[in-house]
Amino acid sequence: MEISVVDSDLSRLEELEKVIVVSQRKQREAYNALAEIHSEGLYEARGYKSFEQYAKSEWDIGKSRAYQILAFVDLVNRLGQSIDVEGLNESNCRPLLSLTETDAISVVEDARNNVPGDDPDRVGVKDIISSVSKLKGDVDKPKQKPKEESTIVESMSQDDRKLYAKRAMEGLIKFRKNAGILGMIGPELDKMFNLLEDRLEAI
């Protein structure tokens, strides 16, 4: 079935798309401004002792959300030194935050190359996620049945168990610190971390 395209509809669509592009640019400008306020400590000029207090009181932005925005700005600034960041927004950049800078660049370029139509900058979250999965080799890759945990543990010597427990503890401490900086540690997660640390120390 062919879709009938009316010139007036197409004209209106193009007008609205321009509005979206402008809004996205303004959003990034706002985020850049927020990041500068954070990095330069300018919130103190209004009497706030912390950036989190400022973001919440002045803009109703919670701690976790504020640090998501800061992470986005930092990512775009770093990627912008190597590639065109036009079309990237806070939403479609979230899957990139866990990647290295080199991998993030590869994902963006791959996503742009596979976007339908003639506008490579119109990259959506699904396009980014698809390219991330491709990078990690998750696409069309048969999943192997994991070994039973008890079997793996039983086959280890006590020295190996202590070695892996030490590595796990070091990684856990590092993750806990970085996640705390991003405001991702709540009471329940903090309780879980304490439990894991106790179990690792007991090995």
C-alpha atoms as a PDB file:
ATOM      1  CA  MET A   1       0.000   0.000   0.000  1.00  0.00           C
ATOM      2  CA  GLU A   2       1.441   3.341  -1.066  1.00  0.00           C
ATOM      3  CA  ILE A   3       1.317   6.267   1.327  1.00  0.00           C
ATOM      4  CA  SER A   4      -0.009   9.482  -0.159  1.00  0.00           C
ATOM      5  CA  VAL A   5       2.280  12.389   0.685  1.00  0.00           C
ATOM      6  CA  VAL A   6       0.734  15.846   0.759  1.00  0.00           C
ATOM      7  CA  ASP A   7       3.109  18.750   0.119  1.00  0.00           C
ATOM      8  CA  SER A   8       1.675  20.726   3.034  1.00  0.00           C
ATOM      9  CA  ASP A   9       2.258  17.781   5.378  1.00  0.00           C
ATOM     10  CA  LEU A  10       5.848  17.397   4.218  1.00  0.00           C
ATOM     11  CA  SER A  11       6.442  21.120   4.636  1.00  0.00           C
ATOM     12  CA  ARG A  12       5.029  21.052   8.173  1.00  0.00           C
ATOM     13  CA  LEU A  13       7.107  17.966   9.005  1.00  0.00           C
ATOM     14  CA  GLU A  14      10.297  19.701   7.912  1.00  0.00           C
ATOM     15  CA  GLU A  15       9.396  22.761  10.007  1.00  0.00           C
ATOM     16  CA  LEU A  16       8.858  20.622  13.101  1.00  0.00           C
ATOM     17  CA  GLU A  17      12.068  18.694  12.524  1.00  0.00           C
ATOM     18  CA  LYS A  18      13.963  21.989  12.463  1.00  0.00           C
ATOM     19  CA  VAL A  19      12.367  22.860  15.800  1.00  0.00           C
ATOM     20  CA  ILE A  20      13.571  19.539  17.215  1.00  0.00           C
ATOM     21  CA  VAL A  21      17.121  20.141  15.983  1.00  0.00           C
ATOM     22  CA  VAL A  22      17.186  23.624  17.525  1.00  0.00           C
ATOM     23  CA  SER A  23      15.780  22.291  20.796  1.00  0.00           C
ATOM     24  CA  GLN A  24      18.453  19.596  20.935  1.00  0.00           C
ATOM     25  CA  ARG A  25      21.162  22.201  20.419  1.00  0.00           C
ATOM     26  CA  LYS A  26      19.674  24.389  23.149  1.00  0.00           C
ATOM     27  CA  GLN A  27      19.486  21.363  25.446  1.00  0.00           C
ATOM     28  CA  ARG A  28      23.189  20.735  24.954  1.00  0.00           C
ATOM     29  CA  GLU A  29      23.926  24.414  25.630  1.00  0.00           C
ATOM     30  CA  ALA A  30      21.980  24.140  28.887  1.00  0.00           C
ATOM     31  CA  TYR A  31      23.862  20.982  29.849  1.00  0.00           C
ATOM     32  CA  ASN A  32      27.207  22.616  29.031  1.00  0.00           C
ATOM     33  CA  ALA A  33      26.251  25.545  31.245  1.00  0.00           C
ATOM     34  CA  LEU A  34      25.349  23.188  34.089  1.00  0.00           C
ATOM     35  CA  ALA A  35      28.671  21.360  33.670  1.00  0.00           C
ATOM     36  CA  GLU A  36      30.613  24.644  33.881  1.00  0.00           C
ATOM     37  CA  ILE A  37      28.708  25.648  37.004  1.00  0.00           C
ATOM     38  CA  HIS A  38      29.782  22.312  38.499  1.00  0.00           C
ATOM     39  CA  SER A  39      33.417  22.346  37.400  1.00  0.00           C
ATOM     40  CA  GLU A  40      34.018  25.982  38.385  1.00  0.00           C
ATOM     41  CA  GLY A  41      32.088  25.744  41.667  1.00  0.00           C
ATOM     42  CA  LEU A  42      29.926  28.706  40.624  1.00  0.00           C
ATOM     43  CA  TYR A  43      26.991  27.413  42.684  1.00  0.00           C
ATOM     44  CA  GLU A  44      28.787  28.755  45.751  1.00  0.00           C
ATOM     45  CA  ALA A  45      27.993  32.277  44.536  1.00  0.00           C
ATOM     46  CA  ARG A  46      24.357  31.588  45.469  1.00  0.00           C
ATOM     47  CA  GLY A  47      25.305  30.260  48.848  1.00  0.00           C
ATOM     48  CA  TYR A  48      25.112  26.552  48.078  1.00  0.00           C
ATOM     49  CA  LYS A  49      27.645  24.255  49.708  1.00  0.00           C
ATOM     50  CA  SER A  50      27.321  21.547  47.055  1.00  0.00           C
ATOM     51  CA  PHE A  51      26.444  21.190  43.401  1.00  0.00           C
ATOM     52  CA  GLU A  52      23.794  18.615  44.287  1.00  0.00           C
ATOM     53  CA  GLN A  53      21.955  21.138  46.478  1.00  0.00           C
ATOM     54  CA  TYR A  54      22.141  23.775  43.763  1.00  0.00           C
ATOM     55  CA  ALA A  55      20.848  21.474  41.000  1.00  0.00           C
ATOM     56  CA  LYS A  56      17.932  20.300  43.128  1.00  0.00           C
ATOM     57  CA  SER A  57      16.902  23.666  44.544  1.00  0.00           C
ATOM     58  CA  GLU A  58      17.353  25.796  41.428  1.00  0.00           C
ATOM     59  CA  TRP A  59      16.440  23.343  38.651  1.00  0.00           C
ATOM     60  CA  ASP A  60      14.673  20.442  40.380  1.00  0.00           C
ATOM     61  CA  ILE A  61      17.334  18.054  39.072  1.00  0.00           C
ATOM     62  CA  GLY A  62      18.092  15.142  41.376  1.00  0.00           C
ATOM     63  CA  LYS A  63      21.610  14.041  42.219  1.00  0.00           C
ATOM     64  CA  SER A  64      21.631  10.965  39.950  1.00  0.00           C
ATOM     65  CA  ARG A  65      20.135  12.884  37.030  1.00  0.00           C
ATOM     66  CA  ALA A  66      22.598  15.749  37.476  1.00  0.00           C
ATOM     67  CA  TYR A  67      25.573  13.419  37.275  1.00  0.00           C
ATOM     68  CA  GLN A  68      24.074  11.679  34.235  1.00  0.00           C
ATOM     69  CA  ILE A  69      24.069  15.071  32.528  1.00  0.00           C
ATOM     70  CA  LEU A  70      27.659  15.783  33.582  1.00  0.00           C
ATOM     71  CA  ALA A  71      28.766  12.385  32.272  1.00  0.00           C
ATOM     72  CA  PHE A  72      27.051  13.129  28.938  1.00  0.00           C
ATOM     73  CA  VAL A  73      28.771  16.517  28.598  1.00  0.00           C
ATOM     74  CA  ASP A  74      32.155  14.994  29.396  1.00  0.00           C
ATOM     75  CA  LEU A  75      31.623  12.204  26.855  1.00  0.00           C
ATOM     76  CA  VAL A  76      30.538  14.551  24.054  1.00  0.00           C
ATOM     77  CA  ASN A  77      33.445  16.906  24.730  1.00  0.00           C
ATOM     78  CA  ARG A  78      35.914  14.021  24.468  1.00  0.00           C
ATOM     79  CA  LEU A  79      34.302  12.501  21.374  1.00  0.00           C
ATOM     80  CA  GLY A  80      34.080  15.943  19.784  1.00  0.00           C
ATOM     81  CA  GLN A  81      37.867  16.031  19.532  1.00  0.00           C
ATOM     82  CA  SER A  82      37.760  13.116  17.080  1.00  0.00           C
ATOM     83  CA  ILE A  83      34.335  13.017  15.405  1.00  0.00           C
ATOM     84  CA  ASP A  84      31.353  15.209  14.608  1.00  0.00           C
ATOM     85  CA  VAL A  85      28.995  15.013  17.603  1.00  0.00           C
ATOM     86  CA  GLU A  86      26.038  16.559  15.784  1.00  0.00           C
ATOM     87  CA  GLY A  87      22.933  14.481  16.406  1.00  0.00           C
ATOM     88  CA  LEU A  88      24.162  13.004  19.673  1.00  0.00           C
ATOM     89  CA  ASN A  89      22.002  13.711  22.698  1.00  0.00           C
ATOM     90  CA  GLU A  90      21.906  12.661  26.318  1.00  0.00           C
ATOM     91  CA  SER A  91      19.489   9.840  25.607  1.00  0.00           C
ATOM     92  CA  ASN A  92      21.291   8.090  22.757  1.00  0.00           C
ATOM     93  CA  CYS A  93      24.663   8.557  24.472  1.00  0.00           C
ATOM     94  CA  ARG A  94      23.776   6.582  27.600  1.00  0.00           C
ATOM     95  CA  PRO A  95      24.817   3.208  26.088  1.00  0.00           C
ATOM     96  CA  LEU A  96      28.219   4.759  25.293  1.00  0.00           C
ATOM     97  CA  LEU A  97      29.118   5.742  28.849  1.00  0.00           C
ATOM     98  CA  SER A  98      30.457   2.309  29.767  1.00  0.00           C
ATOM     99  CA  LEU A  99      32.710   2.105  26.681  1.00  0.00           C
ATOM    100  CA  THR A 100      36.230   3.322  26.084  1.00  0.00           C
ATOM    101  CA  GLU A 101      36.547   6.457  23.991  1.00  0.00           C
ATOM    102  CA  THR A 102      37.824   4.447  21.007  1.00  0.00           C
ATOM    103  CA  ASP A 103      34.941   1.970  21.196  1.00  0.00           C
ATOM    104  CA  ALA A 104      32.391   4.780  21.612  1.00  0.00           C
ATOM    105  CA  ILE A 105      33.674   6.419  18.433  1.00  0.00           C
ATOM    106  CA  SER A 106      33.438   3.109  16.558  1.00  0.00           C
ATOM    107  CA  VAL A 107      29.863   2.608  17.769  1.00  0.00           C
ATOM    108  CA  VAL A 108      28.747   6.092  16.705  1.00  0.00           C
ATOM    109  CA  GLU A 109      30.307   5.735  13.264  1.00  0.00           C
ATOM    110  CA  ASP A 110      28.782   2.278  12.793  1.00  0.00           C
ATOM    111  CA  ALA A 111      25.353   3.491  13.899  1.00  0.00           C
ATOM    112  CA  ARG A 112      25.508   6.419  11.491  1.00  0.00           C
ATOM    113  CA  ASN A 113      26.504   4.164   8.606  1.00  0.00           C
ATOM    114  CA  ASN A 114      23.482   1.967   9.230  1.00  0.00           C
ATOM    115  CA  VAL A 115      20.821   4.634   9.725  1.00  0.00           C
ATOM    116  CA  PRO A 116      18.116   4.331   7.038  1.00  0.00           C
ATOM    117  CA  GLY A 117      17.745   7.308   4.731  1.00  0.00           C
ATOM    118  CA  ASP A 118      20.187  10.042   3.878  1.00  0.00           C
ATOM    119  CA  ASP A 119      20.592  11.663   7.293  1.00  0.00           C
ATOM    120  CA  PRO A 120      23.418   9.951   9.236  1.00  0.00           C
ATOM    121  CA  ASP A 121      22.956  12.371  12.142  1.00  0.00           C
ATOM    122  CA  ARG A 122      19.482  11.013  12.880  1.00  0.00           C
ATOM    123  CA  VAL A 123      20.778   8.307  15.209  1.00  0.00           C
ATOM    124  CA  GLY A 124      18.388   6.844  17.750  1.00  0.00           C
ATOM    125  CA  VAL A 125      18.945   4.934  20.956  1.00  0.00           C
ATOM    126  CA  LYS A 126      18.115   1.633  19.217  1.00  0.00           C
ATOM    127  CA  ASP A 127      20.754   2.343  16.543  1.00  0.00           C
ATOM    128  CA  ILE A 128      23.392   2.931  19.233  1.00  0.00           C
ATOM    129  CA  ILE A 129      22.390  -0.149  21.233  1.00  0.00           C
ATOM    130  CA  SER A 130      22.499  -2.288  18.087  1.00  0.00           C
ATOM    131  CA  SER A 131      26.020  -1.077  17.294  1.00  0.00           C
ATOM    132  CA  VAL A 132      27.139  -1.631  20.900  1.00  0.00           C
ATOM    133  CA  SER A 133      25.881  -5.228  20.708  1.00  0.00           C
ATOM    134  CA  LYS A 134      27.703  -5.701  17.417  1.00  0.00           C
ATOM    135  CA  LEU A 135      30.910  -4.356  18.951  1.00  0.00           C
ATOM    136  CA  LYS A 136      30.650  -6.728  21.891  1.00  0.00           C
ATOM    137  CA  GLY A 137      29.885  -9.658  19.616  1.00  0.00           C
ATOM    138  CA  ASP A 138      26.437 -10.229  21.093  1.00  0.00           C
ATOM    139  CA  VAL A 139      24.659 -10.325  17.742  1.00  0.00           C
ATOM    140  CA  ASP A 140      23.978 -13.799  16.335  1.00  0.00           C
ATOM    141  CA  LYS A 141      26.438 -15.295  18.782  1.00  0.00           C
ATOM    142  CA  PRO A 142      25.344 -18.611  20.285  1.00  0.00           C
ATOM    143  CA  LYS A 143      25.198 -18.416  24.034  1.00  0.00           C
ATOM    144  CA  GLN A 144      27.211 -20.998  25.881  1.00  0.00           C
ATOM    145  CA  LYS A 145      25.706 -22.639  28.891  1.00  0.00           C
ATOM    146  CA  PRO A 146      27.580 -21.336  31.936  1.00  0.00           C
ATOM    147  CA  LYS A 147      29.271 -23.802  34.226  1.00  0.00           C
ATOM    148  CA  GLU A 148      27.724 -24.362  37.586  1.00  0.00           C
ATOM    149  CA  GLU A 149      29.241 -21.969  40.114  1.00  0.00           C
ATOM    150  CA  SER A 150      29.663 -24.682  42.703  1.00  0.00           C
ATOM    151  CA  THR A 151      31.677 -26.820  40.242  1.00  0.00           C
ATOM    152  CA  ILE A 152      34.035 -23.958  39.472  1.00  0.00           C
ATOM    153  CA  VAL A 153      34.577 -23.079  43.124  1.00  0.00           C
ATOM    154  CA  GLU A 154      35.123 -26.688  44.186  1.00  0.00           C
ATOM    155  CA  SER A 155      37.837 -27.129  41.555  1.00  0.00           C
ATOM    156  CA  MET A 156      39.861 -24.186  42.929  1.00  0.00           C
ATOM    157  CA  SER A 157      42.614 -24.428  45.453  1.00  0.00           C
ATOM    158  CA  GLN A 158      42.382 -22.291  48.583  1.00  0.00           C
ATOM    159  CA  ASP A 159      45.167 -20.036  47.279  1.00  0.00           C
ATOM    160  CA  ASP A 160      43.228 -19.477  44.020  1.00  0.00           C
ATOM    161  CA  ARG A 161      40.068 -18.709  45.973  1.00  0.00           C
ATOM    162  CA  LYS A 162      41.905 -16.109  48.041  1.00  0.00           C
ATOM    163  CA  LEU A 163      43.474 -14.598  44.922  1.00  0.00           C
ATOM    164  CA  TYR A 164      40.134 -14.222  43.139  1.00  0.00           C
ATOM    165  CA  ALA A 165      38.498 -12.939  46.303  1.00  0.00           C
ATOM    166  CA  LYS A 166      41.206 -10.268  46.591  1.00  0.00           C
ATOM    167  CA  ARG A 167      40.726  -9.213  42.958  1.00  0.00           C
ATOM    168  CA  ALA A 168      36.956  -9.128  43.402  1.00  0.00           C
ATOM    169  CA  MET A 169      37.303  -7.007  46.533  1.00  0.00           C
ATOM    170  CA  GLU A 170      39.590  -4.519  44.774  1.00  0.00           C
ATOM    171  CA  GLY A 171      37.168  -4.247  41.849  1.00  0.00           C
ATOM    172  CA  LEU A 172      34.209  -3.896  44.198  1.00  0.00           C
ATOM    173  CA  ILE A 173      35.863  -1.101  46.161  1.00  0.00           C
ATOM    174  CA  LYS A 174      36.750   0.757  42.955  1.00  0.00           C
ATOM    175  CA  PHE A 175      33.258   0.345  41.531  1.00  0.00           C
ATOM    176  CA  ARG A 176      31.648   1.417  44.792  1.00  0.00           C
ATOM    177  CA  LYS A 177      33.759   4.567  44.899  1.00  0.00           C
ATOM    178  CA  ASN A 178      33.041   5.584  41.285  1.00  0.00           C
ATOM    179  CA  ALA A 179      29.338   4.722  41.523  1.00  0.00           C
ATOM    180  CA  GLY A 180      29.149   6.771  44.699  1.00  0.00           C
ATOM    181  CA  ILE A 181      30.631   9.782  42.900  1.00  0.00           C
ATOM    182  CA  LEU A 182      27.887   9.417  40.288  1.00  0.00           C
ATOM    183  CA  GLY A 183      25.244   9.265  42.993  1.00  0.00           C
ATOM    184  CA  MET A 184      24.193   5.726  42.141  1.00  0.00           C
ATOM    185  CA  ILE A 185      24.562   4.169  45.599  1.00  0.00           C
ATOM    186  CA  GLY A 186      21.284   3.986  47.518  1.00  0.00           C
ATOM    187  CA  PRO A 187      20.562   2.268  50.855  1.00  0.00           C
ATOM    188  CA  GLU A 188      19.662  -1.079  49.275  1.00  0.00           C
ATOM    189  CA  LEU A 189      22.732  -1.148  47.022  1.00  0.00           C
ATOM    190  CA  ASP A 190      24.945  -0.070  49.904  1.00  0.00           C
ATOM    191  CA  LYS A 191      23.570  -2.967  51.966  1.00  0.00           C
ATOM    192  CA  MET A 192      24.315  -5.379  49.124  1.00  0.00           C
ATOM    193  CA  PHE A 193      27.901  -4.083  48.855  1.00  0.00           C
ATOM    194  CA  ASN A 194      28.428  -4.644  52.579  1.00  0.00           C
ATOM    195  CA  LEU A 195      27.143  -8.200  52.242  1.00  0.00           C
ATOM    196  CA  LEU A 196      29.462  -8.912  49.314  1.00  0.00           C
ATOM    197  CA  GLU A 197      32.451  -7.485  51.153  1.00  0.00           C
ATOM    198  CA  ASP A 198      31.702  -9.656  54.183  1.00  0.00           C
ATOM    199  CA  ARG A 199      31.491 -12.773  52.003  1.00  0.00           C
ATOM    200  CA  LEU A 200      34.736 -11.958  50.216  1.00  0.00           C
ATOM    201  CA  GLU A 201      36.562 -11.285  53.475  1.00  0.00           C
ATOM    202  CA  ALA A 202      35.384 -14.642  54.789  1.00  0.00           C
ATOM    203  CA  ILE A 203      37.185 -16.534  51.975  1.00  0.00           C
END
